[in-house]
Amino acid sequence: MKAKILELLNKIYGIDFSEIKLVTYEMYQCTTVQGNFFARITNYKTYDEQLEEVAYTNFLYLENSPLQQILLKNHVRI
């Protein structure tokens, strides 16, 4: 499963993820040459609920909250 997720992340974002590590039930730490990123992969929330969470998290990041920047890629559905 990790190999498939890694393949999909590389295809979607084109960042060249070299490794992923499960951090929580739905959160993966992704290693790249550019640094570490986190990917949240879930299927128990609606697409609209997830978009709302991403928008709010991005708002907090822009307000200098200690959160990671969000990489948006046309809100991809897999």
PDB file of N, CA and C in Angstrom:
ATOM      1  N   MET A   1       0.821  -1.189   0.000  1.00  0.00           N
ATOM      2  CA  MET A   1       0.000   0.000   0.000  1.00  0.00           C
ATOM      3  C   MET A   1       0.873   1.263   0.000  1.00  0.00           C
ATOM      4  N   LYS A   2       1.957   1.253   0.789  1.00  0.00           N
ATOM      5  CA  LYS A   2       2.826   2.424   0.841  1.00  0.00           C
ATOM      6  C   LYS A   2       3.415   2.738  -0.532  1.00  0.00           C
ATOM      7  N   ALA A   3       3.774   1.693  -1.271  1.00  0.00           N
ATOM      8  CA  ALA A   3       4.351   1.899  -2.604  1.00  0.00           C
ATOM      9  C   ALA A   3       3.335   2.557  -3.535  1.00  0.00           C
ATOM     10  N   LYS A   4       2.076   2.141  -3.455  1.00  0.00           N
ATOM     11  CA  LYS A   4       1.026   2.714  -4.293  1.00  0.00           C
ATOM     12  C   LYS A   4       0.785   4.185  -3.919  1.00  0.00           C
ATOM     13  N   ILE A   5       0.752   4.482  -2.611  1.00  0.00           N
ATOM     14  CA  ILE A   5       0.564   5.867  -2.159  1.00  0.00           C
ATOM     15  C   ILE A   5       1.733   6.729  -2.623  1.00  0.00           C
ATOM     16  N   LEU A   6       2.941   6.232  -2.491  1.00  0.00           N
ATOM     17  CA  LEU A   6       4.132   6.967  -2.933  1.00  0.00           C
ATOM     18  C   LEU A   6       4.058   7.238  -4.435  1.00  0.00           C
ATOM     19  N   GLU A   7       3.662   6.251  -5.196  1.00  0.00           N
ATOM     20  CA  GLU A   7       3.524   6.412  -6.645  1.00  0.00           C
ATOM     21  C   GLU A   7       2.488   7.489  -6.983  1.00  0.00           C
ATOM     22  N   LEU A   8       1.340   7.453  -6.316  1.00  0.00           N
ATOM     23  CA  LEU A   8       0.291   8.435  -6.576  1.00  0.00           C
ATOM     24  C   LEU A   8       0.716   9.850  -6.173  1.00  0.00           C
ATOM     25  N   LEU A   9       1.371   9.991  -5.027  1.00  0.00           N
ATOM     26  CA  LEU A   9       1.831  11.317  -4.595  1.00  0.00           C
ATOM     27  C   LEU A   9       2.826  11.903  -5.592  1.00  0.00           C
ATOM     28  N   ASN A  10       3.738  11.082  -6.079  1.00  0.00           N
ATOM     29  CA  ASN A  10       4.711  11.552  -7.068  1.00  0.00           C
ATOM     30  C   ASN A  10       4.020  11.949  -8.366  1.00  0.00           C
ATOM     31  N   LYS A  11       3.024  11.196  -8.764  1.00  0.00           N
ATOM     32  CA  LYS A  11       2.294  11.492  -9.996  1.00  0.00           C
ATOM     33  C   LYS A  11       1.493  12.797  -9.851  1.00  0.00           C
ATOM     34  N   ILE A  12       0.817  12.966  -8.720  1.00  0.00           N
ATOM     35  CA  ILE A  12      -0.051  14.125  -8.513  1.00  0.00           C
ATOM     36  C   ILE A  12       0.747  15.405  -8.318  1.00  0.00           C
ATOM     37  N   TYR A  13       1.771  15.364  -7.463  1.00  0.00           N
ATOM     38  CA  TYR A  13       2.472  16.589  -7.089  1.00  0.00           C
ATOM     39  C   TYR A  13       3.781  16.826  -7.833  1.00  0.00           C
ATOM     40  N   GLY A  14       4.380  15.777  -8.390  1.00  0.00           N
ATOM     41  CA  GLY A  14       5.612  15.944  -9.140  1.00  0.00           C
ATOM     42  C   GLY A  14       6.767  16.502  -8.325  1.00  0.00           C
ATOM     43  N   ILE A  15       6.814  16.157  -7.050  1.00  0.00           N
ATOM     44  CA  ILE A  15       7.865  16.685  -6.167  1.00  0.00           C
ATOM     45  C   ILE A  15       8.991  15.674  -5.960  1.00  0.00           C
ATOM     46  N   ASP A  16       8.836  14.467  -6.393  1.00  0.00           N
ATOM     47  CA  ASP A  16       9.805  13.386  -6.223  1.00  0.00           C
ATOM     48  C   ASP A  16       9.949  12.970  -4.760  1.00  0.00           C
ATOM     49  N   PHE A  17       8.851  12.502  -4.206  1.00  0.00           N
ATOM     50  CA  PHE A  17       8.867  11.939  -2.852  1.00  0.00           C
ATOM     51  C   PHE A  17       9.706  10.668  -2.878  1.00  0.00           C
ATOM     52  N   SER A  18      10.636  10.543  -1.958  1.00  0.00           N
ATOM     53  CA  SER A  18      11.497   9.362  -1.934  1.00  0.00           C
ATOM     54  C   SER A  18      11.063   8.340  -0.891  1.00  0.00           C
ATOM     55  N   GLU A  19      10.331   8.794   0.116  1.00  0.00           N
ATOM     56  CA  GLU A  19       9.918   7.887   1.195  1.00  0.00           C
ATOM     57  C   GLU A  19       8.678   8.451   1.880  1.00  0.00           C
ATOM     58  N   ILE A  20       7.813   7.571   2.332  1.00  0.00           N
ATOM     59  CA  ILE A  20       6.683   7.996   3.153  1.00  0.00           C
ATOM     60  C   ILE A  20       6.652   7.142   4.408  1.00  0.00           C
ATOM     61  N   LYS A  21       6.186   7.758   5.485  1.00  0.00           N
ATOM     62  CA  LYS A  21       6.121   7.079   6.772  1.00  0.00           C
ATOM     63  C   LYS A  21       4.780   7.413   7.420  1.00  0.00           C
ATOM     64  N   LEU A  22       4.055   6.396   7.839  1.00  0.00           N
ATOM     65  CA  LEU A  22       2.773   6.601   8.501  1.00  0.00           C
ATOM     66  C   LEU A  22       3.008   7.229   9.872  1.00  0.00           C
ATOM     67  N   VAL A  23       2.383   8.387  10.108  1.00  0.00           N
ATOM     68  CA  VAL A  23       2.541   9.104  11.375  1.00  0.00           C
ATOM     69  C   VAL A  23       1.319   8.881  12.263  1.00  0.00           C
ATOM     70  N   THR A  24       0.135   8.979  11.680  1.00  0.00           N
ATOM     71  CA  THR A  24      -1.119   8.674  12.367  1.00  0.00           C
ATOM     72  C   THR A  24      -1.949   7.823  11.415  1.00  0.00           C
ATOM     73  N   TYR A  25      -3.151   7.522  11.821  1.00  0.00           N
ATOM     74  CA  TYR A  25      -4.028   6.691  11.009  1.00  0.00           C
ATOM     75  C   TYR A  25      -4.211   7.234   9.592  1.00  0.00           C
ATOM     76  N   GLU A  26      -4.185   8.554   9.431  1.00  0.00           N
ATOM     77  CA  GLU A  26      -4.439   9.136   8.114  1.00  0.00           C
ATOM     78  C   GLU A  26      -3.372  10.124   7.655  1.00  0.00           C
ATOM     79  N   MET A  27      -2.282  10.263   8.403  1.00  0.00           N
ATOM     80  CA  MET A  27      -1.255  11.251   8.083  1.00  0.00           C
ATOM     81  C   MET A  27       0.072  10.548   7.768  1.00  0.00           C
ATOM     82  N   TYR A  28       0.664  10.959   6.635  1.00  0.00           N
ATOM     83  CA  TYR A  28       1.944  10.412   6.214  1.00  0.00           C
ATOM     84  C   TYR A  28       2.986  11.517   6.176  1.00  0.00           C
ATOM     85  N   GLN A  29       4.181  11.224   6.671  1.00  0.00           N
ATOM     86  CA  GLN A  29       5.309  12.134   6.519  1.00  0.00           C
ATOM     87  C   GLN A  29       6.016  11.724   5.235  1.00  0.00           C
ATOM     88  N   CYS A  30       6.218  12.677   4.347  1.00  0.00           N
ATOM     89  CA  CYS A  30       6.794  12.404   3.034  1.00  0.00           C
ATOM     90  C   CYS A  30       8.146  13.094   2.922  1.00  0.00           C
ATOM     91  N   THR A  31       9.166  12.337   2.575  1.00  0.00           N
ATOM     92  CA  THR A  31      10.523  12.860   2.486  1.00  0.00           C
ATOM     93  C   THR A  31      10.868  13.179   1.037  1.00  0.00           C
ATOM     94  N   THR A  32      11.443  14.369   0.828  1.00  0.00           N
ATOM     95  CA  THR A  32      11.921  14.793  -0.488  1.00  0.00           C
ATOM     96  C   THR A  32      13.260  15.494  -0.313  1.00  0.00           C
ATOM     97  N   VAL A  33      13.902  15.790  -1.415  1.00  0.00           N
ATOM     98  CA  VAL A  33      15.142  16.569  -1.375  1.00  0.00           C
ATOM     99  C   VAL A  33      14.855  17.964  -0.823  1.00  0.00           C
ATOM    100  N   GLN A  34      13.663  18.497  -1.125  1.00  0.00           N
ATOM    101  CA  GLN A  34      13.283  19.840  -0.674  1.00  0.00           C
ATOM    102  C   GLN A  34      12.927  19.891   0.808  1.00  0.00           C
ATOM    103  N   GLY A  35      12.756  18.759   1.450  1.00  0.00           N
ATOM    104  CA  GLY A  35      12.386  18.718   2.861  1.00  0.00           C
ATOM    105  C   GLY A  35      11.254  17.744   3.097  1.00  0.00           C
ATOM    106  N   ASN A  36      10.641  17.849   4.266  1.00  0.00           N
ATOM    107  CA  ASN A  36       9.546  16.952   4.624  1.00  0.00           C
ATOM    108  C   ASN A  36       8.198  17.629   4.400  1.00  0.00           C
ATOM    109  N   PHE A  37       7.253  16.852   3.937  1.00  0.00           N
ATOM    110  CA  PHE A  37       5.885  17.286   3.744  1.00  0.00           C
ATOM    111  C   PHE A  37       4.985  16.282   4.438  1.00  0.00           C
ATOM    112  N   PHE A  38       3.744  16.648   4.663  1.00  0.00           N
ATOM    113  CA  PHE A  38       2.782  15.735   5.259  1.00  0.00           C
ATOM    114  C   PHE A  38       1.579  15.614   4.346  1.00  0.00           C
ATOM    115  N   ALA A  39       1.140  14.392   4.151  1.00  0.00           N
ATOM    116  CA  ALA A  39      -0.037  14.126   3.311  1.00  0.00           C
ATOM    117  C   ALA A  39      -1.100  13.469   4.174  1.00  0.00           C
ATOM    118  N   ARG A  40      -2.289  14.017   4.093  1.00  0.00           N
ATOM    119  CA  ARG A  40      -3.422  13.447   4.817  1.00  0.00           C
ATOM    120  C   ARG A  40      -4.276  12.691   3.812  1.00  0.00           C
ATOM    121  N   ILE A  41      -4.462  11.417   4.056  1.00  0.00           N
ATOM    122  CA  ILE A  41      -5.226  10.569   3.152  1.00  0.00           C
ATOM    123  C   ILE A  41      -6.366   9.955   3.942  1.00  0.00           C
ATOM    124  N   THR A  42      -7.581  10.280   3.535  1.00  0.00           N
ATOM    125  CA  THR A  42      -8.753   9.826   4.266  1.00  0.00           C
ATOM    126  C   THR A  42      -9.890   9.520   3.302  1.00  0.00           C
ATOM    127  N   ASN A  43     -10.806   8.703   3.741  1.00  0.00           N
ATOM    128  CA  ASN A  43     -11.969   8.413   2.904  1.00  0.00           C
ATOM    129  C   ASN A  43     -13.264   8.432   3.707  1.00  0.00           C
ATOM    130  N   TYR A  44     -13.232   8.968   4.910  1.00  0.00           N
ATOM    131  CA  TYR A  44     -14.432   8.962   5.737  1.00  0.00           C
ATOM    132  C   TYR A  44     -15.111  10.329   5.819  1.00  0.00           C
ATOM    133  N   LYS A  45     -14.534  11.324   5.150  1.00  0.00           N
ATOM    134  CA  LYS A  45     -15.151  12.649   5.113  1.00  0.00           C
ATOM    135  C   LYS A  45     -15.507  12.957   3.663  1.00  0.00           C
ATOM    136  N   THR A  46     -16.534  13.771   3.501  1.00  0.00           N
ATOM    137  CA  THR A  46     -16.903  14.142   2.152  1.00  0.00           C
ATOM    138  C   THR A  46     -15.833  15.051   1.558  1.00  0.00           C
ATOM    139  N   TYR A  47     -15.846  15.137   0.264  1.00  0.00           N
ATOM    140  CA  TYR A  47     -14.900  15.995  -0.442  1.00  0.00           C
ATOM    141  C   TYR A  47     -15.052  17.446   0.020  1.00  0.00           C
ATOM    142  N   ASP A  48     -16.287  17.908   0.171  1.00  0.00           N
ATOM    143  CA  ASP A  48     -16.524  19.289   0.619  1.00  0.00           C
ATOM    144  C   ASP A  48     -16.011  19.532   2.037  1.00  0.00           C
ATOM    145  N   GLU A  49     -16.183  18.549   2.922  1.00  0.00           N
ATOM    146  CA  GLU A  49     -15.659  18.684   4.293  1.00  0.00           C
ATOM    147  C   GLU A  49     -14.140  18.799   4.276  1.00  0.00           C
ATOM    148  N   GLN A  50     -13.501  18.000   3.436  1.00  0.00           N
ATOM    149  CA  GLN A  50     -12.047  18.050   3.348  1.00  0.00           C
ATOM    150  C   GLN A  50     -11.573  19.383   2.776  1.00  0.00           C
ATOM    151  N   LEU A  51     -12.271  19.908   1.765  1.00  0.00           N
ATOM    152  CA  LEU A  51     -11.901  21.204   1.205  1.00  0.00           C
ATOM    153  C   LEU A  51     -12.032  22.316   2.240  1.00  0.00           C
ATOM    154  N   GLU A  52     -13.067  22.236   3.056  1.00  0.00           N
ATOM    155  CA  GLU A  52     -13.263  23.233   4.101  1.00  0.00           C
ATOM    156  C   GLU A  52     -12.124  23.182   5.116  1.00  0.00           C
ATOM    157  N   GLU A  53     -11.708  21.987   5.505  1.00  0.00           N
ATOM    158  CA  GLU A  53     -10.591  21.843   6.439  1.00  0.00           C
ATOM    159  C   GLU A  53      -9.298  22.390   5.845  1.00  0.00           C
ATOM    160  N   VAL A  54      -9.061  22.102   4.569  1.00  0.00           N
ATOM    161  CA  VAL A  54      -7.854  22.592   3.907  1.00  0.00           C
ATOM    162  C   VAL A  54      -7.869  24.115   3.844  1.00  0.00           C
ATOM    163  N   ALA A  55      -9.003  24.687   3.492  1.00  0.00           N
ATOM    164  CA  ALA A  55      -9.112  26.148   3.420  1.00  0.00           C
ATOM    165  C   ALA A  55      -8.848  26.784   4.784  1.00  0.00           C
ATOM    166  N   TYR A  56      -9.402  26.199   5.843  1.00  0.00           N
ATOM    167  CA  TYR A  56      -9.208  26.750   7.186  1.00  0.00           C
ATOM    168  C   TYR A  56      -7.751  26.598   7.635  1.00  0.00           C
ATOM    169  N   THR A  57      -7.154  25.454   7.365  1.00  0.00           N
ATOM    170  CA  THR A  57      -5.756  25.235   7.730  1.00  0.00           C
ATOM    171  C   THR A  57      -4.851  26.202   6.975  1.00  0.00           C
ATOM    172  N   ASN A  58      -5.145  26.420   5.699  1.00  0.00           N
ATOM    173  CA  ASN A  58      -4.363  27.363   4.908  1.00  0.00           C
ATOM    174  C   ASN A  58      -4.520  28.788   5.450  1.00  0.00           C
ATOM    175  N   PHE A  59      -5.732  29.154   5.848  1.00  0.00           N
ATOM    176  CA  PHE A  59      -5.971  30.463   6.470  1.00  0.00           C
ATOM    177  C   PHE A  59      -5.108  30.616   7.720  1.00  0.00           C
ATOM    178  N   LEU A  60      -5.102  29.604   8.575  1.00  0.00           N
ATOM    179  CA  LEU A  60      -4.287  29.671   9.794  1.00  0.00           C
ATOM    180  C   LEU A  60      -2.811  29.809   9.466  1.00  0.00           C
ATOM    181  N   TYR A  61      -2.345  29.078   8.463  1.00  0.00           N
ATOM    182  CA  TYR A  61      -0.945  29.178   8.049  1.00  0.00           C
ATOM    183  C   TYR A  61      -0.628  30.612   7.605  1.00  0.00           C
ATOM    184  N   LEU A  62      -1.518  31.195   6.791  1.00  0.00           N
ATOM    185  CA  LEU A  62      -1.300  32.552   6.289  1.00  0.00           C
ATOM    186  C   LEU A  62      -1.338  33.599   7.405  1.00  0.00           C
ATOM    187  N   GLU A  63      -1.983  33.263   8.517  1.00  0.00           N
ATOM    188  CA  GLU A  63      -2.032  34.149   9.680  1.00  0.00           C
ATOM    189  C   GLU A  63      -0.884  33.872  10.651  1.00  0.00           C
ATOM    190  N   ASN A  64       0.149  33.190  10.163  1.00  0.00           N
ATOM    191  CA  ASN A  64       1.370  32.886  10.914  1.00  0.00           C
ATOM    192  C   ASN A  64       1.173  31.915  12.064  1.00  0.00           C
ATOM    193  N   SER A  65       0.186  31.062  11.953  1.00  0.00           N
ATOM    194  CA  SER A  65       0.015  29.992  12.921  1.00  0.00           C
ATOM    195  C   SER A  65       1.109  28.950  12.653  1.00  0.00           C
ATOM    196  N   PRO A  66       1.594  28.255  13.665  1.00  0.00           N
ATOM    197  CA  PRO A  66       2.705  27.312  13.452  1.00  0.00           C
ATOM    198  C   PRO A  66       2.248  26.019  12.764  1.00  0.00           C
ATOM    199  N   LEU A  67       1.803  26.148  11.538  1.00  0.00           N
ATOM    200  CA  LEU A  67       1.359  25.004  10.745  1.00  0.00           C
ATOM    201  C   LEU A  67       2.194  24.900   9.487  1.00  0.00           C
ATOM    202  N   GLN A  68       2.220  23.720   8.900  1.00  0.00           N
ATOM    203  CA  GLN A  68       2.916  23.525   7.636  1.00  0.00           C
ATOM    204  C   GLN A  68       2.106  24.139   6.499  1.00  0.00           C
ATOM    205  N   GLN A  69       2.816  24.633   5.493  1.00  0.00           N
ATOM    206  CA  GLN A  69       2.141  25.163   4.316  1.00  0.00           C
ATOM    207  C   GLN A  69       1.435  24.024   3.581  1.00  0.00           C
ATOM    208  N   ILE A  70       0.304  24.327   2.999  1.00  0.00           N
ATOM    209  CA  ILE A  70      -0.477  23.329   2.285  1.00  0.00           C
ATOM    210  C   ILE A  70      -0.129  23.382   0.810  1.00  0.00           C
ATOM    211  N   LEU A  71       0.123  22.217   0.236  1.00  0.00           N
ATOM    212  CA  LEU A  71       0.353  22.122  -1.198  1.00  0.00           C
ATOM    213  C   LEU A  71      -0.962  21.750  -1.856  1.00  0.00           C
ATOM    214  N   LEU A  72      -1.503  22.655  -2.630  1.00  0.00           N
ATOM    215  CA  LEU A  72      -2.760  22.381  -3.313  1.00  0.00           C
ATOM    216  C   LEU A  72      -2.460  22.021  -4.756  1.00  0.00           C
ATOM    217  N   LYS A  73      -3.093  20.985  -5.203  1.00  0.00           N
ATOM    218  CA  LYS A  73      -2.906  20.548  -6.583  1.00  0.00           C
ATOM    219  C   LYS A  73      -4.277  20.306  -7.187  1.00  0.00           C
ATOM    220  N   ASN A  74      -4.999  21.373  -7.434  1.00  0.00           N
ATOM    221  CA  ASN A  74      -6.317  21.292  -8.057  1.00  0.00           C
ATOM    222  C   ASN A  74      -7.256  20.364  -7.318  1.00  0.00           C
ATOM    223  N   HIS A  75      -7.097  20.248  -6.022  1.00  0.00           N
ATOM    224  CA  HIS A  75      -7.986  19.446  -5.185  1.00  0.00           C
ATOM    225  C   HIS A  75      -8.258  18.068  -5.812  1.00  0.00           C
ATOM    226  N   VAL A  76      -7.204  17.298  -5.944  1.00  0.00           N
ATOM    227  CA  VAL A  76      -7.266  16.018  -6.651  1.00  0.00           C
ATOM    228  C   VAL A  76      -8.062  14.981  -5.893  1.00  0.00           C
ATOM    229  N   ARG A  77      -8.942  14.331  -6.586  1.00  0.00           N
ATOM    230  CA  ARG A  77      -9.651  13.163  -6.048  1.00  0.00           C
ATOM    231  C   ARG A  77      -8.993  11.921  -6.627  1.00  0.00           C
ATOM    232  N   ILE A  78      -8.736  10.959  -5.762  1.00  0.00           N
ATOM    233  CA  ILE A  78      -8.126   9.697  -6.227  1.00  0.00           C
ATOM    234  C   ILE A  78      -9.152   8.597  -6.138  1.00  0.00           C
TER     235      ILE A  78
END
